[in-house]
Amino acid sequence: MKVDKTSGQGKPPVAKKTVASSKKAGPSRPTGKGKKVVTPVKVSGGRNWGPIAVAGVVVLLAVGIIGYGVFASVKGGGSWEDKVNAIEGVTDYRAQKNALIDSRNHKDGTLTYVTNPPVGGDHNPTWQNCMGDVYTEPIANEHAVHSLEHGAVWVTYKQGLAADQVAKLQAKVQGKDYMLMSPIANLDKNVSLQVWGYQLKLDNADDSRIDAFIKSARLNASMEPGAACSGGNTTSDPVAAATDATTGATGS
């Protein structure tokens, strides 16, 4: 009788499953009493100076720009008198307190003035039209001084000045209100600019000080702010002789 290799119950023995010695690897568990292992971070002991240097330069530039702006603002914030007096060659007759220049009475007839061209003093009741008028012949001082009282810049030049020089002066005057221009006899310089109480004499019509004087003094030098420059005398004729006593009045 053939005997198979069976168990006592007539069934082959069941092989035992092999149990893995280790379970599937998973995340590492904390060691110790619930504490997680922390890997130290290495900190560099050096400092990156590049960005710091750039930031410093930017700050310095900003401070410089702001500082210059403040300086320019303060420098440019002076009075118009300061700006006029800062122009090289300007004579400030207001500071001299000369009664013959400061006087503003209206008088008829021919008058005598302290300076040539005059910068102030008694004058004719009628002003010379000063709405950018260009006169090719000498005009009466008595009318022109009244225009100065109203805030006009009177541009004068020596009779016989070269035509190209006259043309350059004309371009600065013609069509511009509170401006007038004329030749004048016996002028000691080629060009002379006047407002009430200030005068600038120059050798050349190309001089940049002409524009600076006009910009600073035009209208600002008025003794009667708001007074008109239109409606005045438009001829080059001398004033008529006085027919009666002077009025002694002031104003427009």
C-alpha atoms as a PDB file:
ATOM      1  CA  MET A   1       0.000   0.000   0.000  1.00  0.00           C
ATOM      2  CA  LYS A   2       1.310   3.370  -1.151  1.00  0.00           C
ATOM      3  CA  VAL A   3       1.439   6.014   1.457  1.00  0.00           C
ATOM      4  CA  ASP A   4       1.469   9.722   0.395  1.00  0.00           C
ATOM      5  CA  LYS A   5       3.183  12.403   2.355  1.00  0.00           C
ATOM      6  CA  THR A   6       0.198  13.805   4.087  1.00  0.00           C
ATOM      7  CA  SER A   7      -0.743  15.002   7.434  1.00  0.00           C
ATOM      8  CA  GLY A   8      -2.502  12.892   9.737  1.00  0.00           C
ATOM      9  CA  GLN A   9      -5.809  14.046   8.265  1.00  0.00           C
ATOM     10  CA  GLY A  10      -5.009  12.950   4.744  1.00  0.00           C
ATOM     11  CA  LYS A  11      -4.222  16.449   3.473  1.00  0.00           C
ATOM     12  CA  PRO A  12      -0.856  17.649   2.456  1.00  0.00           C
ATOM     13  CA  PRO A  13       0.717  19.938   5.015  1.00  0.00           C
ATOM     14  CA  VAL A  14       0.116  23.623   4.344  1.00  0.00           C
ATOM     15  CA  ALA A  15       3.290  25.565   3.918  1.00  0.00           C
ATOM     16  CA  LYS A  16       3.658  28.525   6.262  1.00  0.00           C
ATOM     17  CA  LYS A  17       3.819  31.937   4.633  1.00  0.00           C
ATOM     18  CA  THR A  18       7.074  33.673   5.024  1.00  0.00           C
ATOM     19  CA  VAL A  19       6.674  36.827   7.042  1.00  0.00           C
ATOM     20  CA  ALA A  20       8.787  39.736   5.833  1.00  0.00           C
ATOM     21  CA  SER A  21      11.431  40.636   8.252  1.00  0.00           C
ATOM     22  CA  SER A  22      10.781  44.273   7.744  1.00  0.00           C
ATOM     23  CA  LYS A  23       7.750  46.295   6.809  1.00  0.00           C
ATOM     24  CA  LYS A  24       7.580  48.683   3.844  1.00  0.00           C
ATOM     25  CA  ALA A  25       9.758  51.646   4.479  1.00  0.00           C
ATOM     26  CA  GLY A  26       7.814  54.763   5.399  1.00  0.00           C
ATOM     27  CA  PRO A  27       8.521  58.176   6.801  1.00  0.00           C
ATOM     28  CA  SER A  28      11.033  58.306   9.529  1.00  0.00           C
ATOM     29  CA  ARG A  29       9.547  58.624  12.926  1.00  0.00           C
ATOM     30  CA  PRO A  30      10.716  61.101  15.448  1.00  0.00           C
ATOM     31  CA  THR A  31      13.240  59.825  17.854  1.00  0.00           C
ATOM     32  CA  GLY A  32      13.357  60.469  21.486  1.00  0.00           C
ATOM     33  CA  LYS A  33      10.403  61.757  23.410  1.00  0.00           C
ATOM     34  CA  GLY A  34       8.355  63.100  20.482  1.00  0.00           C
ATOM     35  CA  LYS A  35      11.110  65.539  19.380  1.00  0.00           C
ATOM     36  CA  LYS A  36      11.809  66.011  15.674  1.00  0.00           C
ATOM     37  CA  VAL A  37      15.379  65.967  14.546  1.00  0.00           C
ATOM     38  CA  VAL A  38      16.282  69.426  13.128  1.00  0.00           C
ATOM     39  CA  THR A  39      19.128  69.726  10.725  1.00  0.00           C
ATOM     40  CA  PRO A  40      21.228  72.799  11.606  1.00  0.00           C
ATOM     41  CA  VAL A  41      21.252  75.579   8.990  1.00  0.00           C
ATOM     42  CA  LYS A  42      24.650  76.920   8.222  1.00  0.00           C
ATOM     43  CA  VAL A  43      24.745  80.752   8.372  1.00  0.00           C
ATOM     44  CA  SER A  44      27.454  82.566   6.495  1.00  0.00           C
ATOM     45  CA  GLY A  45      29.448  84.880   8.667  1.00  0.00           C
ATOM     46  CA  GLY A  46      30.210  87.323   5.742  1.00  0.00           C
ATOM     47  CA  ARG A  47      27.933  90.204   4.606  1.00  0.00           C
ATOM     48  CA  ASN A  48      27.045  91.074   0.982  1.00  0.00           C
ATOM     49  CA  TRP A  49      28.161  94.693   0.668  1.00  0.00           C
ATOM     50  CA  GLY A  50      27.135  95.150  -2.987  1.00  0.00           C
ATOM     51  CA  PRO A  51      23.446  96.001  -2.449  1.00  0.00           C
ATOM     52  CA  ILE A  52      24.304  98.096   0.597  1.00  0.00           C
ATOM     53  CA  ALA A  53      26.770 100.187  -1.402  1.00  0.00           C
ATOM     54  CA  VAL A  54      24.254 100.734  -4.207  1.00  0.00           C
ATOM     55  CA  ALA A  55      21.587 101.794  -1.706  1.00  0.00           C
ATOM     56  CA  GLY A  56      24.025 104.233  -0.126  1.00  0.00           C
ATOM     57  CA  VAL A  57      24.817 105.847  -3.477  1.00  0.00           C
ATOM     58  CA  VAL A  58      21.115 106.212  -4.269  1.00  0.00           C
ATOM     59  CA  VAL A  59      20.489 107.895  -0.919  1.00  0.00           C
ATOM     60  CA  LEU A  60      23.383 110.300  -1.429  1.00  0.00           C
ATOM     61  CA  LEU A  61      22.137 111.228  -4.900  1.00  0.00           C
ATOM     62  CA  ALA A  62      18.638 111.834  -3.581  1.00  0.00           C
ATOM     63  CA  VAL A  63      19.945 114.046  -0.787  1.00  0.00           C
ATOM     64  CA  GLY A  64      22.073 115.983  -3.279  1.00  0.00           C
ATOM     65  CA  ILE A  65      19.169 116.572  -5.647  1.00  0.00           C
ATOM     66  CA  ILE A  66      16.854 117.683  -2.867  1.00  0.00           C
ATOM     67  CA  GLY A  67      19.532 119.928  -1.391  1.00  0.00           C
ATOM     68  CA  TYR A  68      20.209 121.610  -4.742  1.00  0.00           C
ATOM     69  CA  GLY A  69      16.485 122.146  -5.266  1.00  0.00           C
ATOM     70  CA  VAL A  70      16.179 123.884  -1.921  1.00  0.00           C
ATOM     71  CA  PHE A  71      19.261 125.999  -2.637  1.00  0.00           C
ATOM     72  CA  ALA A  72      17.979 127.025  -6.074  1.00  0.00           C
ATOM     73  CA  SER A  73      14.577 127.839  -4.628  1.00  0.00           C
ATOM     74  CA  VAL A  74      16.060 130.056  -1.937  1.00  0.00           C
ATOM     75  CA  LYS A  75      18.448 131.711  -4.369  1.00  0.00           C
ATOM     76  CA  GLY A  76      15.702 132.394  -6.891  1.00  0.00           C
ATOM     77  CA  GLY A  77      13.279 133.582  -4.258  1.00  0.00           C
ATOM     78  CA  GLY A  78      14.732 137.064  -3.720  1.00  0.00           C
ATOM     79  CA  SER A  79      12.828 140.285  -4.449  1.00  0.00           C
ATOM     80  CA  TRP A  80      12.828 141.797  -7.909  1.00  0.00           C
ATOM     81  CA  GLU A  81      15.022 144.620  -6.562  1.00  0.00           C
ATOM     82  CA  ASP A  82      17.601 142.057  -5.472  1.00  0.00           C
ATOM     83  CA  LYS A  83      17.537 140.477  -8.915  1.00  0.00           C
ATOM     84  CA  VAL A  84      17.966 143.830 -10.659  1.00  0.00           C
ATOM     85  CA  ASN A  85      20.818 144.866  -8.387  1.00  0.00           C
ATOM     86  CA  ALA A  86      22.500 141.504  -8.932  1.00  0.00           C
ATOM     87  CA  ILE A  87      22.933 142.361 -12.627  1.00  0.00           C
ATOM     88  CA  GLU A  88      26.455 143.634 -13.158  1.00  0.00           C
ATOM     89  CA  GLY A  89      26.542 147.281 -14.214  1.00  0.00           C
ATOM     90  CA  VAL A  90      23.120 148.323 -12.884  1.00  0.00           C
ATOM     91  CA  THR A  91      22.966 151.690 -11.115  1.00  0.00           C
ATOM     92  CA  ASP A  92      20.422 151.860  -8.286  1.00  0.00           C
ATOM     93  CA  TYR A  93      19.280 155.490  -8.141  1.00  0.00           C
ATOM     94  CA  ARG A  94      16.528 154.653  -5.665  1.00  0.00           C
ATOM     95  CA  ALA A  95      19.170 153.948  -3.053  1.00  0.00           C
ATOM     96  CA  GLN A  96      20.641 157.430  -3.546  1.00  0.00           C
ATOM     97  CA  LYS A  97      17.481 159.126  -2.257  1.00  0.00           C
ATOM     98  CA  ASN A  98      17.938 162.019  -4.682  1.00  0.00           C
ATOM     99  CA  ALA A  99      14.910 164.284  -4.399  1.00  0.00           C
ATOM    100  CA  LEU A 100      15.181 165.362  -8.046  1.00  0.00           C
ATOM    101  CA  ILE A 101      14.862 161.719  -9.136  1.00  0.00           C
ATOM    102  CA  ASP A 102      12.298 160.634  -6.551  1.00  0.00           C
ATOM    103  CA  SER A 103       9.937 163.555  -7.227  1.00  0.00           C
ATOM    104  CA  ARG A 104       6.829 162.607  -9.227  1.00  0.00           C
ATOM    105  CA  ASN A 105       5.062 165.920  -9.871  1.00  0.00           C
ATOM    106  CA  HIS A 106       3.263 166.610 -13.141  1.00  0.00           C
ATOM    107  CA  LYS A 107       4.707 169.667 -14.846  1.00  0.00           C
ATOM    108  CA  ASP A 108       4.247 171.269 -18.230  1.00  0.00           C
ATOM    109  CA  GLY A 109       7.043 172.481 -20.479  1.00  0.00           C
ATOM    110  CA  THR A 110      10.666 171.443 -20.823  1.00  0.00           C
ATOM    111  CA  LEU A 111      12.234 169.896 -17.730  1.00  0.00           C
ATOM    112  CA  THR A 112      15.828 169.243 -16.683  1.00  0.00           C
ATOM    113  CA  TYR A 113      16.910 165.797 -15.477  1.00  0.00           C
ATOM    114  CA  VAL A 114      19.763 164.495 -13.340  1.00  0.00           C
ATOM    115  CA  THR A 115      20.744 161.629 -15.658  1.00  0.00           C
ATOM    116  CA  ASN A 116      20.833 161.019 -19.408  1.00  0.00           C
ATOM    117  CA  PRO A 117      18.568 159.239 -20.165  1.00  0.00           C
ATOM    118  CA  PRO A 118      16.456 160.174 -17.128  1.00  0.00           C
ATOM    119  CA  VAL A 119      15.316 157.485 -14.676  1.00  0.00           C
ATOM    120  CA  GLY A 120      12.752 159.487 -12.701  1.00  0.00           C
ATOM    121  CA  GLY A 121      11.697 162.913 -11.588  1.00  0.00           C
ATOM    122  CA  ASP A 122       8.927 165.350 -12.422  1.00  0.00           C
ATOM    123  CA  HIS A 123       7.313 164.698 -15.790  1.00  0.00           C
ATOM    124  CA  ASN A 124       4.646 165.700 -18.270  1.00  0.00           C
ATOM    125  CA  PRO A 125       1.035 164.804 -17.421  1.00  0.00           C
ATOM    126  CA  THR A 126       0.901 162.695 -20.616  1.00  0.00           C
ATOM    127  CA  TRP A 127       2.971 159.522 -20.829  1.00  0.00           C
ATOM    128  CA  GLN A 128       4.639 158.213 -23.952  1.00  0.00           C
ATOM    129  CA  ASN A 129       2.752 155.273 -25.445  1.00  0.00           C
ATOM    130  CA  CYS A 130       4.605 152.145 -24.289  1.00  0.00           C
ATOM    131  CA  MET A 131       2.830 149.156 -25.788  1.00  0.00           C
ATOM    132  CA  GLY A 132       5.898 147.850 -27.591  1.00  0.00           C
ATOM    133  CA  ASP A 133       6.293 151.137 -29.476  1.00  0.00           C
ATOM    134  CA  VAL A 134       9.509 151.657 -31.450  1.00  0.00           C
ATOM    135  CA  TYR A 135      10.319 155.308 -32.146  1.00  0.00           C
ATOM    136  CA  THR A 136      12.925 156.043 -34.804  1.00  0.00           C
ATOM    137  CA  GLU A 137      13.525 159.612 -33.573  1.00  0.00           C
ATOM    138  CA  PRO A 138      14.317 160.919 -30.084  1.00  0.00           C
ATOM    139  CA  ILE A 139      11.224 161.380 -27.935  1.00  0.00           C
ATOM    140  CA  ALA A 140      10.536 163.905 -25.210  1.00  0.00           C
ATOM    141  CA  ASN A 141      12.093 162.920 -21.897  1.00  0.00           C
ATOM    142  CA  GLU A 142       9.128 164.431 -20.099  1.00  0.00           C
ATOM    143  CA  HIS A 143       6.742 161.908 -21.675  1.00  0.00           C
ATOM    144  CA  ALA A 144       9.130 158.953 -21.351  1.00  0.00           C
ATOM    145  CA  VAL A 145       9.664 159.478 -17.627  1.00  0.00           C
ATOM    146  CA  HIS A 146       5.910 159.277 -17.105  1.00  0.00           C
ATOM    147  CA  SER A 147       6.015 155.887 -18.887  1.00  0.00           C
ATOM    148  CA  LEU A 148       8.695 154.742 -16.441  1.00  0.00           C
ATOM    149  CA  GLU A 149       6.400 155.714 -13.572  1.00  0.00           C
ATOM    150  CA  HIS A 150       3.814 153.323 -15.028  1.00  0.00           C
ATOM    151  CA  GLY A 151       6.290 150.421 -15.053  1.00  0.00           C
ATOM    152  CA  ALA A 152       7.666 150.524 -18.599  1.00  0.00           C
ATOM    153  CA  VAL A 153      11.207 149.626 -19.659  1.00  0.00           C
ATOM    154  CA  TRP A 154      12.631 152.345 -21.886  1.00  0.00           C
ATOM    155  CA  VAL A 155      15.290 150.972 -24.231  1.00  0.00           C
ATOM    156  CA  THR A 156      17.478 153.700 -25.695  1.00  0.00           C
ATOM    157  CA  TYR A 157      20.485 153.651 -28.013  1.00  0.00           C
ATOM    158  CA  LYS A 158      23.079 156.066 -29.287  1.00  0.00           C
ATOM    159  CA  GLN A 159      22.091 157.884 -32.461  1.00  0.00           C
ATOM    160  CA  GLY A 160      23.995 156.371 -35.386  1.00  0.00           C
ATOM    161  CA  LEU A 161      24.240 152.872 -33.833  1.00  0.00           C
ATOM    162  CA  ALA A 162      24.754 150.152 -36.473  1.00  0.00           C
ATOM    163  CA  ALA A 163      21.499 148.986 -38.061  1.00  0.00           C
ATOM    164  CA  ASP A 164      21.981 145.347 -37.061  1.00  0.00           C
ATOM    165  CA  GLN A 165      22.358 146.401 -33.431  1.00  0.00           C
ATOM    166  CA  VAL A 166      19.222 148.527 -33.601  1.00  0.00           C
ATOM    167  CA  ALA A 167      17.335 145.583 -35.147  1.00  0.00           C
ATOM    168  CA  LYS A 168      18.324 143.311 -32.233  1.00  0.00           C
ATOM    169  CA  LEU A 169      17.015 145.826 -29.722  1.00  0.00           C
ATOM    170  CA  GLN A 170      13.834 146.307 -31.727  1.00  0.00           C
ATOM    171  CA  ALA A 171      13.144 142.556 -31.621  1.00  0.00           C
ATOM    172  CA  LYS A 172      13.137 142.732 -27.813  1.00  0.00           C
ATOM    173  CA  VAL A 173      10.673 145.635 -27.712  1.00  0.00           C
ATOM    174  CA  GLN A 174       8.278 145.666 -30.639  1.00  0.00           C
ATOM    175  CA  GLY A 175       4.781 144.471 -29.807  1.00  0.00           C
ATOM    176  CA  LYS A 176       5.511 143.879 -26.107  1.00  0.00           C
ATOM    177  CA  ASP A 177       3.456 145.886 -23.639  1.00  0.00           C
ATOM    178  CA  TYR A 178       5.178 148.123 -21.093  1.00  0.00           C
ATOM    179  CA  MET A 179       8.137 148.503 -23.443  1.00  0.00           C
ATOM    180  CA  LEU A 180       9.266 151.414 -25.624  1.00  0.00           C
ATOM    181  CA  MET A 181      12.410 152.213 -27.573  1.00  0.00           C
ATOM    182  CA  SER A 182      14.034 155.301 -29.064  1.00  0.00           C
ATOM    183  CA  PRO A 183      17.418 156.781 -29.981  1.00  0.00           C
ATOM    184  CA  ILE A 184      18.778 159.479 -27.713  1.00  0.00           C
ATOM    185  CA  ALA A 185      21.301 162.227 -28.237  1.00  0.00           C
ATOM    186  CA  ASN A 186      24.660 162.404 -26.468  1.00  0.00           C
ATOM    187  CA  LEU A 187      24.452 158.918 -24.969  1.00  0.00           C
ATOM    188  CA  ASP A 188      27.788 157.862 -23.458  1.00  0.00           C
ATOM    189  CA  LYS A 189      27.203 154.151 -24.207  1.00  0.00           C
ATOM    190  CA  ASN A 190      25.728 152.377 -27.205  1.00  0.00           C
ATOM    191  CA  VAL A 191      22.731 151.067 -25.255  1.00  0.00           C
ATOM    192  CA  SER A 192      20.959 152.213 -22.098  1.00  0.00           C
ATOM    193  CA  LEU A 193      17.931 150.628 -20.392  1.00  0.00           C
ATOM    194  CA  GLN A 194      15.829 152.479 -17.828  1.00  0.00           C
ATOM    195  CA  VAL A 195      13.007 151.772 -15.420  1.00  0.00           C
ATOM    196  CA  TRP A 196      12.014 154.089 -12.601  1.00  0.00           C
ATOM    197  CA  GLY A 197      15.105 154.401 -10.397  1.00  0.00           C
ATOM    198  CA  TYR A 198      17.336 151.843 -12.156  1.00  0.00           C
ATOM    199  CA  GLN A 199      19.612 152.070 -15.183  1.00  0.00           C
ATOM    200  CA  LEU A 200      21.844 149.692 -17.135  1.00  0.00           C
ATOM    201  CA  LYS A 201      24.289 150.985 -19.752  1.00  0.00           C
ATOM    202  CA  LEU A 202      26.018 148.611 -22.182  1.00  0.00           C
ATOM    203  CA  ASP A 203      28.307 148.586 -25.203  1.00  0.00           C
ATOM    204  CA  ASN A 204      26.523 145.942 -27.256  1.00  0.00           C
ATOM    205  CA  ALA A 205      22.952 144.936 -28.101  1.00  0.00           C
ATOM    206  CA  ASP A 206      24.002 141.276 -27.862  1.00  0.00           C
ATOM    207  CA  ASP A 207      24.654 141.546 -24.124  1.00  0.00           C
ATOM    208  CA  SER A 208      22.616 138.955 -22.204  1.00  0.00           C
ATOM    209  CA  ARG A 209      22.112 141.419 -19.356  1.00  0.00           C
ATOM    210  CA  ILE A 210      19.512 143.216 -21.471  1.00  0.00           C
ATOM    211  CA  ASP A 211      17.104 140.278 -21.207  1.00  0.00           C
ATOM    212  CA  ALA A 212      17.826 139.828 -17.502  1.00  0.00           C
ATOM    213  CA  PHE A 213      17.079 143.503 -16.815  1.00  0.00           C
ATOM    214  CA  ILE A 214      13.823 143.447 -18.761  1.00  0.00           C
ATOM    215  CA  LYS A 215      12.662 140.226 -17.116  1.00  0.00           C
ATOM    216  CA  SER A 216      13.377 141.441 -13.585  1.00  0.00           C
ATOM    217  CA  ALA A 217      12.280 145.084 -13.798  1.00  0.00           C
ATOM    218  CA  ARG A 218       9.459 145.346 -16.348  1.00  0.00           C
ATOM    219  CA  LEU A 219       6.197 146.220 -14.555  1.00  0.00           C
ATOM    220  CA  ASN A 220       7.821 145.436 -11.184  1.00  0.00           C
ATOM    221  CA  ALA A 221       9.447 148.876 -11.087  1.00  0.00           C
ATOM    222  CA  SER A 222       6.111 150.653 -11.492  1.00  0.00           C
ATOM    223  CA  MET A 223       5.409 153.461  -9.050  1.00  0.00           C
ATOM    224  CA  GLU A 224       1.724 153.141  -9.960  1.00  0.00           C
ATOM    225  CA  PRO A 225       0.911 149.427 -10.331  1.00  0.00           C
ATOM    226  CA  GLY A 226      -1.917 148.918 -12.808  1.00  0.00           C
ATOM    227  CA  ALA A 227      -1.415 152.240 -14.594  1.00  0.00           C
ATOM    228  CA  ALA A 228      -1.893 152.047 -18.356  1.00  0.00           C
ATOM    229  CA  CYS A 229       0.752 152.172 -21.064  1.00  0.00           C
ATOM    230  CA  SER A 230      -1.764 152.639 -23.863  1.00  0.00           C
ATOM    231  CA  GLY A 231      -3.487 155.898 -24.768  1.00  0.00           C
ATOM    232  CA  GLY A 232      -0.320 157.976 -24.430  1.00  0.00           C
ATOM    233  CA  ASN A 233       1.594 160.294 -26.724  1.00  0.00           C
ATOM    234  CA  THR A 234       2.690 158.623 -29.955  1.00  0.00           C
ATOM    235  CA  THR A 235       4.753 161.364 -31.586  1.00  0.00           C
ATOM    236  CA  SER A 236       8.419 162.246 -31.287  1.00  0.00           C
ATOM    237  CA  ASP A 237       7.670 165.944 -30.928  1.00  0.00           C
ATOM    238  CA  PRO A 238       9.133 167.891 -28.010  1.00  0.00           C
ATOM    239  CA  VAL A 239       6.757 169.002 -25.287  1.00  0.00           C
ATOM    240  CA  ALA A 240       5.012 172.320 -25.675  1.00  0.00           C
ATOM    241  CA  ALA A 241       6.231 175.237 -23.659  1.00  0.00           C
ATOM    242  CA  ALA A 242       4.583 175.722 -20.303  1.00  0.00           C
ATOM    243  CA  THR A 243       1.705 178.190 -20.417  1.00  0.00           C
ATOM    244  CA  ASP A 244       0.903 178.393 -16.706  1.00  0.00           C
ATOM    245  CA  ALA A 245       2.230 177.501 -13.296  1.00  0.00           C
ATOM    246  CA  THR A 246       3.008 173.836 -12.642  1.00  0.00           C
ATOM    247  CA  THR A 247       0.357 171.903 -10.838  1.00  0.00           C
ATOM    248  CA  GLY A 248       2.591 170.016  -8.470  1.00  0.00           C
ATOM    249  CA  ALA A 249       0.203 167.089  -8.705  1.00  0.00           C
ATOM    250  CA  THR A 250       1.334 163.501  -8.526  1.00  0.00           C
ATOM    251  CA  GLY A 251       0.006 160.277  -9.964  1.00  0.00           C
ATOM    252  CA  SER A 252      -1.134 159.146 -13.379  1.00  0.00           C
END
